[in-house]
Amino acid sequence: MRVPAQDHGCVSSTLPAGVVTFLFTDVEGSTKLLHELGDAYADALHEHRRLLREAFTAHAGVEVDTQGDAFFVAFGRPSDGGRCGR
């Protein structure tokens, strides 16, 4: 079951309800990577976001928030969250 999201800046308009599994991601060493890649970091970040969003969608994940290279995603079933996190 999905319920409408409250107006708190969620990326998605619907969130899973009931027992929900959360997935948090972050790129370790991203500040160092930014300095090493310079202008190319924007393209790398864009590809990172594209690939992760593709995985979230494939496993019925709902993007709750994103900040920089980090994501907060909710899944209506623990198995979906676990498979996505592999």
N, C-alpha and C. Protein backbone atom coordinates (compact mmCIF):
# COMPACT_ATOMS: atom_id res chain seq x y z
N MET A 1 0.85 -1.18 0.00
CA MET A 1 0.00 0.00 0.00
C MET A 1 0.89 1.24 0.00
N ARG A 2 0.48 2.23 -0.74
CA ARG A 2 1.21 3.50 -0.78
C ARG A 2 0.29 4.62 -0.30
N VAL A 3 0.88 5.57 0.39
CA VAL A 3 0.12 6.73 0.86
C VAL A 3 0.76 7.98 0.31
N PRO A 4 -0.04 9.04 0.11
CA PRO A 4 0.55 10.28 -0.39
C PRO A 4 1.59 10.83 0.59
N ALA A 5 2.66 11.36 0.05
CA ALA A 5 3.70 11.96 0.89
C ALA A 5 3.22 13.30 1.42
N GLN A 6 3.64 13.61 2.63
CA GLN A 6 3.36 14.93 3.18
C GLN A 6 4.24 15.93 2.45
N ASP A 7 3.89 17.19 2.54
CA ASP A 7 4.67 18.22 1.86
C ASP A 7 5.91 18.53 2.67
N HIS A 8 6.93 17.69 2.54
CA HIS A 8 8.19 17.92 3.25
C HIS A 8 9.38 17.75 2.31
N GLY A 9 9.16 18.02 1.03
CA GLY A 9 10.25 18.01 0.08
C GLY A 9 10.61 16.65 -0.46
N CYS A 10 9.75 15.65 -0.32
CA CYS A 10 10.04 14.33 -0.85
C CYS A 10 10.14 14.38 -2.37
N VAL A 11 11.01 13.59 -2.91
CA VAL A 11 11.15 13.51 -4.35
C VAL A 11 9.92 12.83 -4.94
N SER A 12 9.40 11.81 -4.26
CA SER A 12 8.24 11.07 -4.75
C SER A 12 6.97 11.59 -4.11
N SER A 13 5.85 11.43 -4.82
CA SER A 13 4.57 11.87 -4.27
C SER A 13 3.88 10.76 -3.49
N THR A 14 4.37 9.53 -3.57
CA THR A 14 3.80 8.43 -2.80
C THR A 14 4.90 7.67 -2.08
N LEU A 15 4.60 7.27 -0.86
CA LEU A 15 5.56 6.53 -0.06
C LEU A 15 4.94 5.20 0.36
N PRO A 16 5.76 4.17 0.56
CA PRO A 16 5.22 2.90 1.05
C PRO A 16 4.66 3.08 2.46
N ALA A 17 3.68 2.27 2.81
CA ALA A 17 3.09 2.31 4.14
C ALA A 17 3.26 0.95 4.81
N GLY A 18 3.05 0.90 6.11
CA GLY A 18 3.19 -0.34 6.84
C GLY A 18 4.64 -0.59 7.19
N VAL A 19 5.08 -1.84 7.08
CA VAL A 19 6.48 -2.18 7.34
C VAL A 19 7.29 -1.68 6.15
N VAL A 20 8.22 -0.81 6.43
CA VAL A 20 9.00 -0.16 5.37
C VAL A 20 10.49 -0.39 5.62
N THR A 21 11.22 -0.63 4.56
CA THR A 21 12.68 -0.79 4.63
C THR A 21 13.33 0.45 4.04
N PHE A 22 14.31 0.99 4.75
CA PHE A 22 15.01 2.18 4.29
C PHE A 22 16.40 1.81 3.79
N LEU A 23 16.83 2.51 2.75
CA LEU A 23 18.18 2.36 2.22
C LEU A 23 18.80 3.75 2.16
N PHE A 24 19.96 3.89 2.76
CA PHE A 24 20.71 5.14 2.71
C PHE A 24 22.01 4.87 1.97
N THR A 25 22.36 5.75 1.04
CA THR A 25 23.61 5.59 0.31
C THR A 25 24.47 6.84 0.48
N ASP A 26 25.77 6.66 0.31
CA ASP A 26 26.70 7.79 0.34
C ASP A 26 27.99 7.32 -0.33
N VAL A 27 28.60 8.18 -1.09
CA VAL A 27 29.87 7.85 -1.74
C VAL A 27 30.99 8.18 -0.76
N GLU A 28 31.68 7.14 -0.32
CA GLU A 28 32.81 7.34 0.58
C GLU A 28 33.94 8.03 -0.18
N GLY A 29 34.49 9.07 0.41
CA GLY A 29 35.61 9.78 -0.21
C GLY A 29 35.20 10.71 -1.34
N SER A 30 33.94 11.14 -1.35
CA SER A 30 33.47 11.97 -2.48
C SER A 30 34.16 13.33 -2.54
N THR A 31 34.53 13.90 -1.41
CA THR A 31 35.21 15.20 -1.43
C THR A 31 36.58 15.06 -2.09
N LYS A 32 37.28 13.99 -1.75
CA LYS A 32 38.59 13.73 -2.39
C LYS A 32 38.39 13.49 -3.89
N LEU A 33 37.35 12.72 -4.22
CA LEU A 33 37.06 12.44 -5.62
C LEU A 33 36.75 13.73 -6.39
N LEU A 34 36.01 14.63 -5.77
CA LEU A 34 35.71 15.92 -6.39
C LEU A 34 36.99 16.67 -6.73
N HIS A 35 37.93 16.69 -5.80
CA HIS A 35 39.20 17.38 -6.04
C HIS A 35 40.03 16.69 -7.12
N GLU A 36 39.98 15.36 -7.14
CA GLU A 36 40.75 14.62 -8.14
C GLU A 36 40.17 14.75 -9.55
N LEU A 37 38.85 14.72 -9.65
CA LEU A 37 38.20 14.77 -10.97
C LEU A 37 37.98 16.19 -11.49
N GLY A 38 37.92 17.14 -10.60
CA GLY A 38 37.68 18.52 -11.02
C GLY A 38 36.36 18.65 -11.76
N ASP A 39 36.39 19.24 -12.93
CA ASP A 39 35.17 19.47 -13.71
C ASP A 39 34.47 18.19 -14.14
N ALA A 40 35.21 17.10 -14.24
CA ALA A 40 34.63 15.82 -14.64
C ALA A 40 33.74 15.21 -13.55
N TYR A 41 33.82 15.76 -12.31
CA TYR A 41 33.02 15.23 -11.21
C TYR A 41 31.52 15.36 -11.50
N ALA A 42 31.11 16.43 -12.13
CA ALA A 42 29.69 16.63 -12.43
C ALA A 42 29.14 15.49 -13.31
N ASP A 43 29.91 15.09 -14.31
CA ASP A 43 29.48 13.97 -15.16
C ASP A 43 29.45 12.66 -14.38
N ALA A 44 30.44 12.45 -13.52
CA ALA A 44 30.48 11.23 -12.71
C ALA A 44 29.30 11.18 -11.75
N LEU A 45 28.97 12.31 -11.14
CA LEU A 45 27.83 12.38 -10.22
C LEU A 45 26.52 12.13 -10.96
N HIS A 46 26.40 12.70 -12.14
CA HIS A 46 25.19 12.48 -12.95
C HIS A 46 25.01 10.99 -13.26
N GLU A 47 26.09 10.32 -13.65
CA GLU A 47 26.02 8.90 -13.97
C GLU A 47 25.73 8.08 -12.71
N HIS A 48 26.33 8.44 -11.61
CA HIS A 48 26.06 7.78 -10.32
C HIS A 48 24.57 7.85 -9.99
N ARG A 49 24.01 9.04 -10.09
CA ARG A 49 22.58 9.21 -9.79
C ARG A 49 21.71 8.42 -10.77
N ARG A 50 22.06 8.42 -12.03
CA ARG A 50 21.27 7.70 -13.03
C ARG A 50 21.26 6.21 -12.74
N LEU A 51 22.43 5.64 -12.46
CA LEU A 51 22.53 4.21 -12.19
C LEU A 51 21.77 3.81 -10.92
N LEU A 52 21.92 4.61 -9.86
CA LEU A 52 21.22 4.27 -8.62
C LEU A 52 19.71 4.41 -8.79
N ARG A 53 19.26 5.46 -9.45
CA ARG A 53 17.81 5.61 -9.66
C ARG A 53 17.25 4.46 -10.50
N GLU A 54 18.03 3.99 -11.44
CA GLU A 54 17.61 2.84 -12.24
C GLU A 54 17.44 1.61 -11.34
N ALA A 55 18.38 1.40 -10.43
CA ALA A 55 18.30 0.26 -9.50
C ALA A 55 17.13 0.42 -8.54
N PHE A 56 16.91 1.63 -8.03
CA PHE A 56 15.78 1.86 -7.12
C PHE A 56 14.46 1.52 -7.81
N THR A 57 14.32 2.00 -9.03
CA THR A 57 13.09 1.76 -9.80
C THR A 57 12.90 0.28 -10.07
N ALA A 58 13.96 -0.42 -10.43
CA ALA A 58 13.88 -1.85 -10.74
C ALA A 58 13.46 -2.68 -9.53
N HIS A 59 13.65 -2.14 -8.32
CA HIS A 59 13.32 -2.88 -7.10
C HIS A 59 12.19 -2.21 -6.32
N ALA A 60 11.36 -1.43 -7.00
CA ALA A 60 10.18 -0.79 -6.40
C ALA A 60 10.54 0.16 -5.26
N GLY A 61 11.70 0.78 -5.35
CA GLY A 61 12.10 1.76 -4.35
C GLY A 61 11.51 3.12 -4.65
N VAL A 62 11.27 3.88 -3.58
CA VAL A 62 10.74 5.23 -3.70
C VAL A 62 11.78 6.19 -3.13
N GLU A 63 12.26 7.07 -3.97
CA GLU A 63 13.26 8.05 -3.54
C GLU A 63 12.60 9.08 -2.64
N VAL A 64 13.05 9.13 -1.40
CA VAL A 64 12.50 10.06 -0.42
C VAL A 64 13.26 11.38 -0.47
N ASP A 65 14.59 11.30 -0.56
CA ASP A 65 15.40 12.51 -0.56
C ASP A 65 16.76 12.19 -1.18
N THR A 66 17.40 13.22 -1.67
CA THR A 66 18.78 13.10 -2.13
C THR A 66 19.49 14.41 -1.81
N GLN A 67 20.74 14.26 -1.40
CA GLN A 67 21.59 15.42 -1.08
C GLN A 67 22.97 15.11 -1.63
N GLY A 68 23.43 15.88 -2.58
CA GLY A 68 24.75 15.62 -3.16
C GLY A 68 24.80 14.24 -3.78
N ASP A 69 25.67 13.37 -3.27
CA ASP A 69 25.78 12.01 -3.80
C ASP A 69 25.01 10.99 -2.95
N ALA A 70 24.29 11.45 -1.94
CA ALA A 70 23.59 10.55 -1.03
C ALA A 70 22.11 10.44 -1.38
N PHE A 71 21.56 9.24 -1.15
CA PHE A 71 20.14 8.98 -1.38
C PHE A 71 19.50 8.40 -0.12
N PHE A 72 18.23 8.68 0.05
CA PHE A 72 17.37 8.07 1.06
C PHE A 72 16.20 7.48 0.28
N VAL A 73 16.06 6.15 0.34
CA VAL A 73 15.07 5.43 -0.46
C VAL A 73 14.26 4.52 0.46
N ALA A 74 12.96 4.40 0.19
CA ALA A 74 12.07 3.53 0.97
C ALA A 74 11.54 2.41 0.08
N PHE A 75 11.38 1.24 0.69
CA PHE A 75 10.85 0.06 -0.01
C PHE A 75 9.69 -0.50 0.81
N GLY A 76 8.65 -0.92 0.13
CA GLY A 76 7.49 -1.49 0.78
C GLY A 76 7.71 -2.91 1.26
N ARG A 77 8.73 -3.58 0.74
CA ARG A 77 9.05 -4.95 1.15
C ARG A 77 10.54 -5.04 1.46
N PRO A 78 10.90 -5.66 2.58
CA PRO A 78 12.32 -5.79 2.92
C PRO A 78 13.13 -6.49 1.83
N SER A 79 12.53 -7.47 1.16
CA SER A 79 13.27 -8.20 0.12
C SER A 79 13.65 -7.28 -1.03
N ASP A 80 12.81 -6.32 -1.37
CA ASP A 80 13.13 -5.37 -2.44
C ASP A 80 14.31 -4.50 -2.04
N GLY A 81 14.29 -4.02 -0.81
CA GLY A 81 15.39 -3.19 -0.32
C GLY A 81 16.70 -3.97 -0.26
N GLY A 82 16.62 -5.22 0.18
CA GLY A 82 17.81 -6.05 0.25
C GLY A 82 18.40 -6.33 -1.11
N ARG A 83 17.54 -6.65 -2.08
CA ARG A 83 18.04 -6.93 -3.44
C ARG A 83 18.62 -5.68 -4.07
N CYS A 84 18.02 -4.56 -3.82
CA CYS A 84 18.53 -3.30 -4.40
C CYS A 84 19.89 -2.95 -3.81
N GLY A 85 20.08 -3.23 -2.53
CA GLY A 85 21.33 -2.88 -1.87
C GLY A 85 22.51 -3.76 -2.19
N ARG A 86 22.29 -4.82 -2.94
CA ARG A 86 23.40 -5.73 -3.28
C ARG A 86 24.31 -5.15 -4.31
